[in-house]
Amino acid sequence: MHELKQATSAHCDTGKRATPSRASLLVAAMILLACTACGRSNLHRVSGRVHFSDGTPLSSGRVAIDFGNGRSARGRINADGTFRMGTLKDRDGMRPGTWQVAILDSDLLDFATGKVVHRIHDRFKNPKTSGLSFTVPDQMTWDVIVEPPQEPPPR
């Protein structure tokens, strides 16, 4: 047994490191590339603008879509009302389909009064009641028109 150990040690102790072949590296690189593209290959760049009927932009909030199973897409609304949708990461696009859309986080806090200012009608905060629906990839640029909140009835 001692001789076998010495022979094995002598055989492996050449001072050279084992290097993978070019073919092995190429296969590994292709597998890695395929894995990083998983889920992204069918994403389409979707952007748009959220505004009121008079053209005034909604200057903050999020455009949101719930795919179900805990998956969603979202786009941050910029000061000029523009947004770009992201699914796996910010602004990377959306998968194909017809989607109902909600507008979230558009309320503001009035620091002077401490009251929340609702800037859009509540129906836009729920994809089932918003009336907003878009089909990807048929509609890649969305024109989202929202309405101001409904005035409370006079007392």
C-alpha atoms as a PDB file:
ATOM      1  CA  MET A   1       0.000   0.000   0.000  1.00  0.00           C
ATOM      2  CA  HIS A   2       2.861   2.358   0.813  1.00  0.00           C
ATOM      3  CA  GLU A   3       4.364   1.882  -2.654  1.00  0.00           C
ATOM      4  CA  LEU A   4       1.025   2.593  -4.358  1.00  0.00           C
ATOM      5  CA  LYS A   5       0.702   5.818  -2.413  1.00  0.00           C
ATOM      6  CA  GLN A   6       4.174   6.938  -3.431  1.00  0.00           C
ATOM      7  CA  ALA A   7       3.573   6.075  -7.056  1.00  0.00           C
ATOM      8  CA  THR A   8       0.273   8.008  -7.084  1.00  0.00           C
ATOM      9  CA  SER A   9       1.879  11.009  -5.387  1.00  0.00           C
ATOM     10  CA  ALA A  10       4.775  10.959  -7.790  1.00  0.00           C
ATOM     11  CA  HIS A  11       2.378  10.775 -10.758  1.00  0.00           C
ATOM     12  CA  CYS A  12       0.197  13.678  -9.572  1.00  0.00           C
ATOM     13  CA  ASP A  13       2.972  15.896  -8.292  1.00  0.00           C
ATOM     14  CA  THR A  14       4.163  17.177 -11.658  1.00  0.00           C
ATOM     15  CA  GLY A  15       3.923  20.812 -10.682  1.00  0.00           C
ATOM     16  CA  LYS A  16       1.391  21.469 -13.451  1.00  0.00           C
ATOM     17  CA  ARG A  17      -2.192  22.454 -12.874  1.00  0.00           C
ATOM     18  CA  ALA A  18      -4.900  20.678 -14.788  1.00  0.00           C
ATOM     19  CA  THR A  19      -6.427  23.077 -17.302  1.00  0.00           C
ATOM     20  CA  PRO A  20      -9.781  22.574 -18.972  1.00  0.00           C
ATOM     21  CA  SER A  21      -9.816  22.154 -22.714  1.00  0.00           C
ATOM     22  CA  ARG A  22     -11.101  24.891 -24.988  1.00  0.00           C
ATOM     23  CA  ALA A  23     -14.119  22.735 -25.831  1.00  0.00           C
ATOM     24  CA  SER A  24     -14.981  22.406 -22.115  1.00  0.00           C
ATOM     25  CA  LEU A  25     -14.714  26.159 -21.634  1.00  0.00           C
ATOM     26  CA  LEU A  26     -16.880  26.804 -24.691  1.00  0.00           C
ATOM     27  CA  VAL A  27     -19.583  24.410 -23.457  1.00  0.00           C
ATOM     28  CA  ALA A  28     -19.505  25.989 -19.979  1.00  0.00           C
ATOM     29  CA  ALA A  29     -19.780  29.488 -21.477  1.00  0.00           C
ATOM     30  CA  MET A  30     -22.741  28.457 -23.637  1.00  0.00           C
ATOM     31  CA  ILE A  31     -24.544  26.934 -20.648  1.00  0.00           C
ATOM     32  CA  LEU A  32     -23.906  30.049 -18.560  1.00  0.00           C
ATOM     33  CA  LEU A  33     -25.146  32.316 -21.352  1.00  0.00           C
ATOM     34  CA  ALA A  34     -28.282  30.209 -21.818  1.00  0.00           C
ATOM     35  CA  CYS A  35     -29.009  30.325 -18.085  1.00  0.00           C
ATOM     36  CA  THR A  36     -28.584  34.092 -17.818  1.00  0.00           C
ATOM     37  CA  ALA A  37     -30.927  34.600 -20.764  1.00  0.00           C
ATOM     38  CA  CYS A  38     -33.600  32.326 -19.270  1.00  0.00           C
ATOM     39  CA  GLY A  39     -36.800  34.273 -18.787  1.00  0.00           C
ATOM     40  CA  ARG A  40     -35.499  37.390 -20.542  1.00  0.00           C
ATOM     41  CA  SER A  41     -35.593  36.162 -24.113  1.00  0.00           C
ATOM     42  CA  ASN A  42     -39.310  36.787 -24.439  1.00  0.00           C
ATOM     43  CA  LEU A  43     -39.399  40.192 -22.743  1.00  0.00           C
ATOM     44  CA  HIS A  44     -40.466  43.176 -24.845  1.00  0.00           C
ATOM     45  CA  ARG A  45     -39.520  46.783 -24.115  1.00  0.00           C
ATOM     46  CA  VAL A  46     -42.688  48.578 -23.051  1.00  0.00           C
ATOM     47  CA  SER A  47     -42.865  52.275 -22.212  1.00  0.00           C
ATOM     48  CA  GLY A  48     -45.457  54.993 -22.107  1.00  0.00           C
ATOM     49  CA  ARG A  49     -46.875  58.048 -20.433  1.00  0.00           C
ATOM     50  CA  VAL A  50     -49.483  58.517 -17.705  1.00  0.00           C
ATOM     51  CA  HIS A  51     -51.475  61.734 -17.889  1.00  0.00           C
ATOM     52  CA  PHE A  52     -54.855  63.340 -17.357  1.00  0.00           C
ATOM     53  CA  SER A  53     -57.215  64.057 -20.268  1.00  0.00           C
ATOM     54  CA  ASP A  54     -55.961  67.671 -20.428  1.00  0.00           C
ATOM     55  CA  GLY A  55     -52.396  66.387 -21.020  1.00  0.00           C
ATOM     56  CA  THR A  56     -51.089  67.156 -17.503  1.00  0.00           C
ATOM     57  CA  PRO A  57     -48.718  64.319 -16.522  1.00  0.00           C
ATOM     58  CA  LEU A  58     -49.143  62.230 -13.406  1.00  0.00           C
ATOM     59  CA  SER A  59     -45.749  63.066 -11.907  1.00  0.00           C
ATOM     60  CA  SER A  60     -45.157  60.083  -9.620  1.00  0.00           C
ATOM     61  CA  GLY A  61     -46.357  56.600  -8.803  1.00  0.00           C
ATOM     62  CA  ARG A  62     -46.031  53.186 -10.411  1.00  0.00           C
ATOM     63  CA  VAL A  63     -47.633  51.406 -13.329  1.00  0.00           C
ATOM     64  CA  ALA A  64     -48.219  47.854 -12.090  1.00  0.00           C
ATOM     65  CA  ILE A  65     -49.296  44.497 -13.498  1.00  0.00           C
ATOM     66  CA  ASP A  66     -49.869  41.308 -11.507  1.00  0.00           C
ATOM     67  CA  PHE A  67     -49.068  38.183 -13.550  1.00  0.00           C
ATOM     68  CA  GLY A  68     -50.262  35.931 -10.721  1.00  0.00           C
ATOM     69  CA  ASN A  69     -48.184  33.378  -8.820  1.00  0.00           C
ATOM     70  CA  GLY A  70     -46.413  36.244  -7.048  1.00  0.00           C
ATOM     71  CA  ARG A  71     -44.946  37.637 -10.270  1.00  0.00           C
ATOM     72  CA  SER A  72     -45.434  41.188 -11.459  1.00  0.00           C
ATOM     73  CA  ALA A  73     -44.180  43.926 -13.748  1.00  0.00           C
ATOM     74  CA  ARG A  74     -43.795  47.543 -12.768  1.00  0.00           C
ATOM     75  CA  GLY A  75     -42.669  50.875 -14.084  1.00  0.00           C
ATOM     76  CA  ARG A  76     -41.805  53.962 -12.044  1.00  0.00           C
ATOM     77  CA  ILE A  77     -43.639  57.070 -13.226  1.00  0.00           C
ATOM     78  CA  ASN A  78     -41.241  59.968 -13.792  1.00  0.00           C
ATOM     79  CA  ALA A  79     -42.023  63.668 -13.235  1.00  0.00           C
ATOM     80  CA  ASP A  80     -43.017  64.037 -16.900  1.00  0.00           C
ATOM     81  CA  GLY A  81     -45.421  61.067 -16.659  1.00  0.00           C
ATOM     82  CA  THR A  82     -43.200  58.677 -18.618  1.00  0.00           C
ATOM     83  CA  PHE A  83     -42.410  55.134 -17.505  1.00  0.00           C
ATOM     84  CA  ARG A  84     -40.689  51.984 -18.735  1.00  0.00           C
ATOM     85  CA  MET A  85     -41.828  48.548 -17.581  1.00  0.00           C
ATOM     86  CA  GLY A  86     -39.632  45.924 -15.928  1.00  0.00           C
ATOM     87  CA  THR A  87     -40.263  42.325 -14.968  1.00  0.00           C
ATOM     88  CA  LEU A  88     -37.048  40.674 -13.768  1.00  0.00           C
ATOM     89  CA  LYS A  89     -35.297  43.980 -13.104  1.00  0.00           C
ATOM     90  CA  ASP A  90     -36.046  47.663 -13.630  1.00  0.00           C
ATOM     91  CA  ARG A  91     -36.853  48.597 -17.210  1.00  0.00           C
ATOM     92  CA  ASP A  92     -36.018  45.201 -18.766  1.00  0.00           C
ATOM     93  CA  GLY A  93     -39.418  44.729 -20.451  1.00  0.00           C
ATOM     94  CA  MET A  94     -42.527  42.582 -20.193  1.00  0.00           C
ATOM     95  CA  ARG A  95     -43.593  39.177 -21.338  1.00  0.00           C
ATOM     96  CA  PRO A  96     -46.242  38.804 -24.055  1.00  0.00           C
ATOM     97  CA  GLY A  97     -49.921  38.768 -23.176  1.00  0.00           C
ATOM     98  CA  THR A  98     -52.934  40.949 -22.523  1.00  0.00           C
ATOM     99  CA  TRP A  99     -52.604  42.585 -19.126  1.00  0.00           C
ATOM    100  CA  GLN A 100     -54.832  44.631 -16.860  1.00  0.00           C
ATOM    101  CA  VAL A 101     -53.008  47.621 -15.420  1.00  0.00           C
ATOM    102  CA  ALA A 102     -53.160  49.499 -12.108  1.00  0.00           C
ATOM    103  CA  ILE A 103     -51.631  52.820 -11.099  1.00  0.00           C
ATOM    104  CA  LEU A 104     -50.190  52.675  -7.578  1.00  0.00           C
ATOM    105  CA  ASP A 105     -48.487  54.984  -5.089  1.00  0.00           C
ATOM    106  CA  SER A 106     -49.765  58.165  -6.717  1.00  0.00           C
ATOM    107  CA  ASP A 107     -51.124  59.716  -3.509  1.00  0.00           C
ATOM    108  CA  LEU A 108     -49.152  62.502  -1.870  1.00  0.00           C
ATOM    109  CA  LEU A 109     -48.920  63.726   1.715  1.00  0.00           C
ATOM    110  CA  ASP A 110     -49.720  67.409   2.269  1.00  0.00           C
ATOM    111  CA  PHE A 111     -47.199  68.270   4.986  1.00  0.00           C
ATOM    112  CA  ALA A 112     -49.025  71.491   5.884  1.00  0.00           C
ATOM    113  CA  THR A 113     -52.270  69.687   6.756  1.00  0.00           C
ATOM    114  CA  GLY A 114     -50.979  66.167   7.361  1.00  0.00           C
ATOM    115  CA  LYS A 115     -53.654  64.832   4.981  1.00  0.00           C
ATOM    116  CA  VAL A 116     -53.207  62.473   2.062  1.00  0.00           C
ATOM    117  CA  VAL A 117     -53.944  64.070  -1.299  1.00  0.00           C
ATOM    118  CA  HIS A 118     -55.521  61.624  -3.739  1.00  0.00           C
ATOM    119  CA  ARG A 119     -54.511  62.617  -7.260  1.00  0.00           C
ATOM    120  CA  ILE A 120     -56.332  59.941  -9.273  1.00  0.00           C
ATOM    121  CA  HIS A 121     -59.686  58.221  -9.068  1.00  0.00           C
ATOM    122  CA  ASP A 122     -59.582  55.143  -6.808  1.00  0.00           C
ATOM    123  CA  ARG A 123     -60.695  52.847  -9.633  1.00  0.00           C
ATOM    124  CA  PHE A 124     -57.213  53.133 -11.220  1.00  0.00           C
ATOM    125  CA  LYS A 125     -55.593  51.576  -8.134  1.00  0.00           C
ATOM    126  CA  ASN A 126     -57.038  48.136  -8.924  1.00  0.00           C
ATOM    127  CA  PRO A 127     -56.329  46.349 -12.229  1.00  0.00           C
ATOM    128  CA  LYS A 128     -59.829  44.834 -12.219  1.00  0.00           C
ATOM    129  CA  THR A 129     -61.545  48.229 -12.013  1.00  0.00           C
ATOM    130  CA  SER A 130     -59.050  50.499 -13.795  1.00  0.00           C
ATOM    131  CA  GLY A 131     -60.341  49.849 -17.291  1.00  0.00           C
ATOM    132  CA  LEU A 132     -56.704  49.838 -18.438  1.00  0.00           C
ATOM    133  CA  SER A 133     -55.660  46.859 -20.534  1.00  0.00           C
ATOM    134  CA  PHE A 134     -52.766  46.479 -22.966  1.00  0.00           C
ATOM    135  CA  THR A 135     -51.499  43.662 -25.182  1.00  0.00           C
ATOM    136  CA  VAL A 136     -47.766  42.993 -25.514  1.00  0.00           C
ATOM    137  CA  PRO A 137     -46.142  42.916 -28.079  1.00  0.00           C
ATOM    138  CA  ASP A 138     -48.976  44.525 -30.088  1.00  0.00           C
ATOM    139  CA  GLN A 139     -48.905  47.636 -27.890  1.00  0.00           C
ATOM    140  CA  MET A 140     -45.349  48.593 -26.955  1.00  0.00           C
ATOM    141  CA  THR A 141     -46.012  52.272 -26.180  1.00  0.00           C
ATOM    142  CA  TRP A 142     -48.867  52.860 -23.769  1.00  0.00           C
ATOM    143  CA  ASP A 143     -50.882  56.052 -23.527  1.00  0.00           C
ATOM    144  CA  VAL A 144     -52.428  55.834 -20.053  1.00  0.00           C
ATOM    145  CA  ILE A 145     -55.134  58.407 -19.354  1.00  0.00           C
ATOM    146  CA  VAL A 146     -56.263  58.720 -15.736  1.00  0.00           C
ATOM    147  CA  GLU A 147     -59.004  60.781 -14.115  1.00  0.00           C
ATOM    148  CA  PRO A 148     -58.855  62.949 -11.003  1.00  0.00           C
ATOM    149  CA  PRO A 149     -60.579  61.692  -7.854  1.00  0.00           C
ATOM    150  CA  GLN A 150     -64.314  61.932  -7.717  1.00  0.00           C
ATOM    151  CA  GLU A 151     -65.490  64.962  -5.766  1.00  0.00           C
ATOM    152  CA  PRO A 152     -67.361  64.041  -2.601  1.00  0.00           C
ATOM    153  CA  PRO A 153     -71.086  64.811  -2.760  1.00  0.00           C
ATOM    154  CA  PRO A 154     -72.100  68.138  -1.189  1.00  0.00           C
ATOM    155  CA  ARG A 155     -73.386  67.900   2.352  1.00  0.00           C
END
